[in-house]
Each structure stands twice: as structure tokens, then as C-alpha cells.
Protein backbone atom coordinates (compact mmCIF):
# COMPACT_ATOMS: atom_id res chain seq x y z
CA MET A 1 -0.04 -0.06 0.01
CA SER A 2 1.13 3.51 -0.70
CA SER A 3 1.68 6.02 2.09
CA ASP A 4 0.79 9.75 2.44
CA ILE A 5 3.93 10.87 4.39
CA LEU A 6 7.28 9.44 5.43
CA CYS A 7 8.17 9.60 9.21
CA ILE A 8 11.78 9.41 9.62
CA GLY A 9 13.55 9.09 13.01
CA SER A 10 12.88 7.51 16.41
CA VAL A 11 10.38 4.64 16.83
CA LEU A 12 10.88 3.01 20.16
CA TRP A 13 9.31 1.85 23.35
CA ASP A 14 8.13 4.61 25.75
CA ILE A 15 8.33 3.69 29.43
CA ILE A 16 6.46 6.37 31.25
CA GLY A 17 5.87 6.78 34.95
CA ARG A 18 3.20 9.12 35.85
CA SER A 19 2.02 10.33 39.30
CA ALA A 20 -0.69 12.68 40.31
CA ALA A 21 1.65 14.10 42.91
CA SER A 22 3.89 17.10 42.41
CA MET A 23 7.49 15.77 42.37
CA ARG A 24 10.97 16.99 42.87
CA VAL A 25 14.46 15.42 42.82
CA GLY A 26 14.29 12.36 45.11
CA SER A 27 10.60 11.96 45.26
CA ASP A 28 9.20 8.48 45.72
CA VAL A 29 5.51 8.47 45.01
CA PRO A 30 2.81 6.03 43.93
CA GLY A 31 1.69 6.20 40.22
CA ARG A 32 1.27 4.22 37.14
CA ILE A 33 4.01 2.85 34.77
CA THR A 34 3.07 2.20 31.10
CA ARG A 35 4.85 0.84 28.07
CA LEU A 36 3.60 2.23 24.69
CA PRO A 37 5.05 2.66 21.26
CA GLY A 38 6.72 6.05 21.05
CA GLY A 39 9.55 8.15 19.71
CA VAL A 40 9.25 11.37 17.92
CA ALA A 41 8.71 9.89 14.50
CA MET A 42 6.21 7.34 16.01
CA ASN A 43 4.19 9.88 17.98
CA ILE A 44 3.88 11.93 14.83
CA ALA A 45 2.85 8.82 12.83
CA MET A 46 0.31 7.82 15.44
CA THR A 47 -1.32 11.23 15.26
CA LEU A 48 -1.40 11.29 11.62
CA SER A 49 -3.06 7.91 11.61
CA ARG A 50 -5.81 9.03 14.01
CA PHE A 51 -6.54 11.91 11.51
CA GLY A 52 -6.86 9.50 8.61
CA LEU A 53 -3.51 9.57 6.96
CA ARG A 54 -1.18 6.49 6.21
CA PRO A 55 2.38 7.08 7.35
CA ALA A 56 5.34 5.08 6.33
CA LEU A 57 8.19 4.66 8.85
CA LEU A 58 11.93 4.94 8.05
CA THR A 59 13.74 3.95 11.35
CA ALA A 60 15.94 1.19 12.94
CA ILE A 61 14.43 -1.42 14.96
CA GLY A 62 16.19 -4.45 16.46
CA ARG A 63 15.53 -8.09 15.48
CA ASP A 64 14.74 -8.80 19.12
CA ALA A 65 11.50 -9.69 20.86
CA GLU A 66 10.90 -6.03 21.80
CA GLY A 67 11.38 -5.11 18.06
CA ASP A 68 8.95 -7.63 16.81
CA GLU A 69 6.37 -6.51 19.29
CA LEU A 70 6.97 -2.92 18.17
CA ILE A 71 6.62 -3.73 14.42
CA ALA A 72 3.36 -5.64 15.11
CA ALA A 73 2.06 -2.59 17.18
CA CYS A 74 2.90 -0.17 14.28
CA ALA A 75 1.19 -2.39 11.70
CA ARG A 76 -2.00 -2.63 13.82
CA MET A 77 -2.11 1.13 13.89
CA GLY A 78 -2.08 1.18 10.04
CA MET A 79 1.54 2.23 9.44
CA GLU A 80 3.60 1.10 6.52
CA CYS A 81 6.60 -0.88 8.04
CA GLY A 82 7.99 -2.44 4.88
CA HIS A 83 10.90 0.05 4.68
CA ILE A 84 12.17 -0.12 8.17
CA TYR A 85 15.74 -1.16 8.76
CA ARG A 86 15.89 -4.25 10.89
CA SER A 87 19.29 -4.76 12.65
CA ASP A 88 20.64 -8.09 13.77
CA ASP A 89 23.05 -6.64 16.34
CA LEU A 90 21.42 -3.41 17.63
CA PRO A 91 18.71 -3.65 20.32
CA THR A 92 15.39 -1.81 20.00
CA ASP A 93 15.62 1.64 21.43
CA ARG A 94 13.81 2.86 24.46
CA TYR A 95 12.76 6.13 26.18
CA MET A 96 11.99 6.50 29.77
CA ALA A 97 10.31 9.45 31.53
CA ILE A 98 8.90 10.47 34.82
CA GLU A 99 5.89 12.84 34.79
CA GLY A 100 4.23 14.47 37.92
CA ALA A 101 1.46 16.88 38.44
CA ASN A 102 4.00 19.73 37.87
CA GLY A 103 5.11 18.32 34.55
CA LEU A 104 8.05 16.43 33.21
CA ILE A 105 10.48 15.61 35.98
CA ALA A 106 13.19 13.81 34.00
CA ALA A 107 13.57 11.58 31.02
CA ILE A 108 16.24 9.57 29.20
CA ALA A 109 16.27 8.76 25.59
CA ASP A 110 18.13 5.63 24.63
CA ALA A 111 18.25 6.00 20.79
CA HIS A 112 21.74 4.74 20.34
CA SER A 113 20.56 2.04 17.70
CA LEU A 114 19.01 4.65 15.52
CA GLU A 115 22.28 6.63 15.79
CA ALA A 116 24.26 3.55 15.06
CA ALA A 117 22.20 2.69 12.04
CA GLY A 118 22.85 6.11 10.54
CA ALA A 119 22.17 6.46 6.78
CA LYS A 120 21.10 2.84 6.39
CA ILE A 121 17.56 3.86 7.37
CA LEU A 122 17.56 6.08 4.24
CA ARG A 123 18.21 3.41 1.75
CA PRO A 124 14.63 3.28 0.38
CA LEU A 125 15.09 6.94 -0.64
CA GLU A 126 17.99 6.17 -2.83
CA ASP A 127 17.62 2.65 -4.19
CA GLY A 128 14.31 3.36 -6.03
CA ARG A 129 11.85 1.87 -3.61
CA LEU A 130 10.77 5.42 -2.56
CA GLY A 131 12.99 7.63 -4.61
CA SER A 132 16.51 8.16 -5.96
CA ALA A 133 19.03 10.93 -6.53
CA ASP A 134 17.50 11.37 -10.02
CA ALA A 135 13.86 11.23 -9.09
CA PRO A 136 13.85 12.30 -5.37
CA TYR A 137 10.85 11.63 -3.27
CA ALA A 138 8.48 14.67 -3.79
CA GLY A 139 5.95 14.13 -0.86
CA LEU A 140 5.68 15.13 2.70
CA ILE A 141 8.52 13.92 5.13
CA ALA A 142 8.34 14.36 8.93
CA LEU A 143 11.92 14.24 10.27
CA ASP A 144 13.01 14.02 13.85
CA GLY A 145 16.13 15.22 15.70
CA ASN A 146 17.08 11.90 17.10
CA LEU A 147 19.29 11.35 14.02
CA THR A 148 22.92 12.26 14.47
CA GLU A 149 24.21 15.72 13.70
CA ALA A 150 26.35 14.26 10.97
CA LEU A 151 23.22 12.55 9.31
CA LEU A 152 21.14 15.63 9.60
CA SER A 153 23.80 17.70 8.04
CA GLN A 154 24.10 15.09 5.22
CA ILE A 155 20.20 15.34 4.68
CA SER A 156 20.37 19.13 4.60
CA GLN A 157 22.62 18.82 1.41
CA SER A 158 21.24 15.57 -0.05
CA PRO A 159 19.57 15.65 -3.46
CA LEU A 160 17.34 12.77 -2.08
CA PHE A 161 15.49 15.48 -0.03
CA ALA A 162 15.50 18.17 -2.66
CA ALA A 163 11.94 17.77 -3.78
CA ALA A 164 10.29 16.94 -0.37
CA ASP A 165 8.01 18.97 1.88
CA LEU A 166 10.34 18.55 4.94
CA ARG A 167 8.74 18.99 8.44
CA VAL A 168 11.40 18.93 11.09
CA ALA A 169 11.11 18.46 14.95
CA PRO A 170 13.76 18.26 17.63
CA ALA A 171 13.72 15.24 19.68
CA SER A 172 14.39 17.32 22.95
CA PRO A 173 15.97 20.58 23.88
CA GLY A 174 19.22 18.72 24.47
CA LYS A 175 19.33 17.71 20.74
CA ALA A 176 17.90 20.89 19.30
CA GLU A 177 21.25 22.22 18.16
CA ARG A 178 21.49 19.18 15.82
CA LEU A 179 18.94 20.88 13.60
CA THR A 180 21.17 23.76 12.72
CA PRO A 181 22.16 22.50 9.35
CA LEU A 182 18.53 22.30 8.33
CA LEU A 183 17.72 25.80 9.52
CA THR A 184 18.22 27.35 6.12
CA HIS A 185 16.92 24.46 4.01
CA SER A 186 14.48 25.98 1.46
CA GLN A 187 12.09 23.09 1.80
CA ALA A 188 12.14 22.83 5.64
CA THR A 189 9.43 23.77 8.12
CA LEU A 190 10.80 23.68 11.75
CA TYR A 191 8.55 22.88 14.73
CA VAL A 192 10.29 23.95 17.96
CA ASN A 193 9.31 25.14 21.42
CA LEU A 194 10.58 28.34 22.92
CA GLU A 195 13.54 26.74 24.67
CA GLU A 196 14.59 24.90 21.54
CA ALA A 197 14.24 28.05 19.43
CA GLY A 198 16.67 29.68 21.87
CA ILE A 199 19.21 26.94 21.62
CA ILE A 200 19.20 27.02 17.78
CA ALA A 201 19.40 30.79 17.60
CA LYS A 202 21.69 30.99 20.56
CA ALA A 203 19.45 33.69 22.26
CA ARG A 204 16.82 33.94 24.90
CA PHE A 205 13.35 34.96 23.84
CA ALA A 206 10.40 36.32 25.81
CA SER A 207 7.74 34.91 23.41
CA ALA A 208 7.17 32.58 20.58
CA ALA A 209 6.56 35.42 18.12
CA GLU A 210 9.97 36.87 19.12
CA ALA A 211 11.64 33.47 18.59
CA ALA A 212 9.97 32.94 15.30
CA GLU A 213 11.13 36.38 13.98
CA ALA A 214 14.64 35.57 15.07
CA LEU A 215 14.67 32.14 13.29
CA LEU A 216 13.40 33.64 10.09
CA HIS A 217 16.01 36.46 10.28
CA ARG A 218 18.59 33.57 10.56
CA GLY A 219 17.36 32.16 7.19
CA ALA A 220 14.62 29.69 8.09
CA ALA A 221 12.00 29.25 5.36
CA ARG A 222 9.22 28.62 7.98
CA VAL A 223 9.06 27.97 11.66
CA LEU A 224 6.41 27.18 14.20
CA VAL A 225 7.07 27.97 17.82
CA THR A 226 5.23 26.78 20.77
CA ASP A 227 5.36 28.04 24.35
CA GLY A 228 3.48 25.72 26.53
CA GLY A 229 0.09 27.42 27.78
CA ASN A 230 1.23 30.71 26.13
CA ALA A 231 0.73 32.06 22.54
CA SER A 232 2.31 30.05 19.74
CA ALA A 233 3.61 31.51 16.46
CA GLU A 234 3.97 30.51 12.82
CA GLY A 235 6.32 32.59 10.60
CA ARG A 236 7.09 32.37 7.04
CA GLN A 237 9.80 34.16 4.78
CA GLY A 238 8.06 37.19 3.12
CA GLN A 239 4.66 36.56 4.72
CA GLY A 240 5.26 37.60 8.36
CA ILE A 241 4.22 36.01 11.62
CA ILE A 242 0.79 34.84 12.93
CA THR A 243 0.06 33.90 16.54
CA GLY A 244 -2.59 31.72 18.23
CA ALA A 245 -3.40 31.11 21.95
CA PRO A 246 -3.81 27.49 22.91
CA PRO A 247 -6.98 26.34 24.77
CA GLN A 248 -6.68 26.36 28.59
CA VAL A 249 -6.87 22.79 29.84
CA LEU A 250 -5.99 20.62 32.83
CA VAL A 251 -2.57 19.14 31.98
CA THR A 252 -2.43 15.40 32.66
CA ARG A 253 0.50 14.42 30.55
CA VAL A 254 3.15 16.14 28.40
CA THR A 255 5.37 13.68 26.71
CA GLY A 256 4.27 13.63 23.00
CA ALA A 257 2.43 16.96 22.95
CA GLY A 258 4.74 18.66 20.63
CA ASP A 259 4.71 15.69 18.12
CA THR A 260 0.85 15.83 18.24
CA PHE A 261 0.94 19.58 17.46
CA MET A 262 3.06 19.10 14.51
CA ALA A 263 1.14 16.07 13.10
CA ALA A 264 -2.27 18.01 13.53
CA HIS A 265 -0.74 20.97 11.80
CA ILE A 266 0.31 18.82 8.78
CA VAL A 267 -3.07 17.31 8.56
CA ALA A 268 -4.76 20.63 8.76
CA GLU A 269 -2.76 22.00 5.99
CA GLN A 270 -3.37 18.87 3.85
CA SER A 271 -6.92 19.48 4.12
CA GLY A 272 -6.60 23.04 2.83
CA ALA A 273 -6.74 24.98 6.04
CA THR A 274 -5.53 28.62 6.10
CA ARG A 275 -2.56 29.52 8.17
CA ASP A 276 -4.67 30.70 11.03
CA GLU A 277 -6.95 27.65 10.88
CA ALA A 278 -4.08 25.23 10.72
CA LEU A 279 -2.39 26.70 13.82
CA ALA A 280 -5.69 26.88 15.66
CA ARG A 281 -6.40 23.11 14.90
CA ALA A 282 -2.95 22.07 15.90
CA LEU A 283 -3.26 23.96 19.24
CA ARG A 284 -6.55 22.30 19.86
CA ALA A 285 -5.14 18.86 19.03
CA ALA A 286 -2.26 19.37 21.42
CA ALA A 287 -4.60 20.55 24.11
CA ASP A 288 -6.79 17.70 23.79
CA TYR A 289 -3.79 15.37 23.90
CA VAL A 290 -2.23 16.85 27.18
CA SER A 291 -5.67 16.90 28.86
CA GLY A 292 -5.99 13.17 28.15
CA GLU A 293 -9.06 13.77 25.92
CA ILE A 294 -7.51 11.70 23.05
CA GLY A 295 -5.65 8.41 23.40
CA SER A 296 -1.93 7.97 23.32
């Protein structure tokens, strides 16, 4: 079956501990621990699937029991898994986070297998299955920052991505700087939060609109900047900046909210929404997600 969008990057198991209590360093509280398919590329793909698109995954997953379970889970959700790189000697990646009533307390992303696989995950884009250097893939691509800085830099100059509508998200603030080579890519739209925007621009910003303006000034073609419960901004070269306020909701979870925002924005644009409508729909979807109104 054909797909509507490629999701390139991290597909792994999310192990999330959640407690209704506020937490600090050293807290030991009751709560729930869940294991769900996750990773930036996976979270985006899951939201795209919920909105009726069929994503194809380009990632690295081990040939271990956890990997087999993960592939089966992706297939059940309607994702195209035929182009995934399966490694015989690399384990399936994992992400672990602790969330309290006061938000994300700490997280560790073990995406070493994805990093070790490197450019092998991109083979379908060059061997003719999805595209080639002479006939590059011309559709939508969601790209996450769990790839190495070297591979992201290679992608920024690669003819394999020259015709794609490239949507880029950092994996976390700690990896935001990896996206610097893609900042000036003419086909790229960057989805970042206020902290990540500051890391990429090497500055501090008081608002999403200010951050968007600075990234455009640094050569970005288009950016979307979120700021939690504060106003978000979307900026395009030559078309200025628009802002939108997210709905006020009770926050029950935060891991995956940014990925949900990005996927909902892509779907809105695919349906013909205006700039303002697409931003508003993405903010609503993210609010529904963090409030627990839609499934993970």
C-alpha cells in the first residue's frame, strides 16, 4: 500500500511513569508505569493515523522480541513498516520518562541504535523503492532530531530530499542544536518550542513570536514555535508572523504533546486550512492530548 507521508527518525518503546503528585528530585511516590510505542517519528505517525493519513516509517528497529512487538504494534495502527531497517546486532531503542502533576520531571532517551544505524535507514529513498537521486521523493516527510548531527547535516545537502516538503522536529531541547544544518533548508518547516528556538538561535526569547522572527532572520523558510500554555507563533519568509493562543486545559501528560501539535498542523494544511486555521487546529489537538481527551 502507498503512504501519504514518510516519518523518519525514532520509533521505540516509551516507558512512562506518571503520578498525580507534584514531584522533585528524590521523590518516591505512587503512580502508574506504562509501556507504549513512542519516539518522535512514532508519535507523529500515530497522530497522523488518527487523522486518517497513512504514514510510512523509516527507522531502525532491532531483530529482538521487543522489536517484533513494536513492528506488530505499528502495523496494527495502520503504518507502513516495509521500509524499516531491521538490525541483527542493535537492540530496539527505549525512552524512559517520569511525569508528575508539575510536568516532566526527568527523561532519558536511549536512541543509540538509531544513531548507530545512521544512513542505512534512508536506503529506500535512494535505491528506487521510494525515490533516488535522479527522481527524489516529492511528498511530505516528517523528520526528527534523534538522528545524528552528521546525518542531519548530510540530509540538509542531499539531493534525495531536494523535492520533499520537509517537516522537522527536535527530539528534545538537548538535541535541538542538531537541527542547525536544516535551519536554512529551502524546503524545511521547523517545529520547535521556545527553549529549543533559543538553543538553535543562541539567544533567549520572551515570546514565541519573538523567537519565530529571530529564526526567520537567520534564514529559516518557515517556523512554528510553541510556548506551553502561552501564545504560539507561525512565521514564513516574506509573509510575516501569525500567533494563536492554545485552549486552557488541565494538563495530565506532556510527553508527545509537541509531536501531536506538529502532526495535527500537517493534517490541517493537507485538508486546505488557512495559516490561522491550521495553527488553531494544531493547538486544539495538542490541548486535547495533554488533557487526556485523546488516546496516546
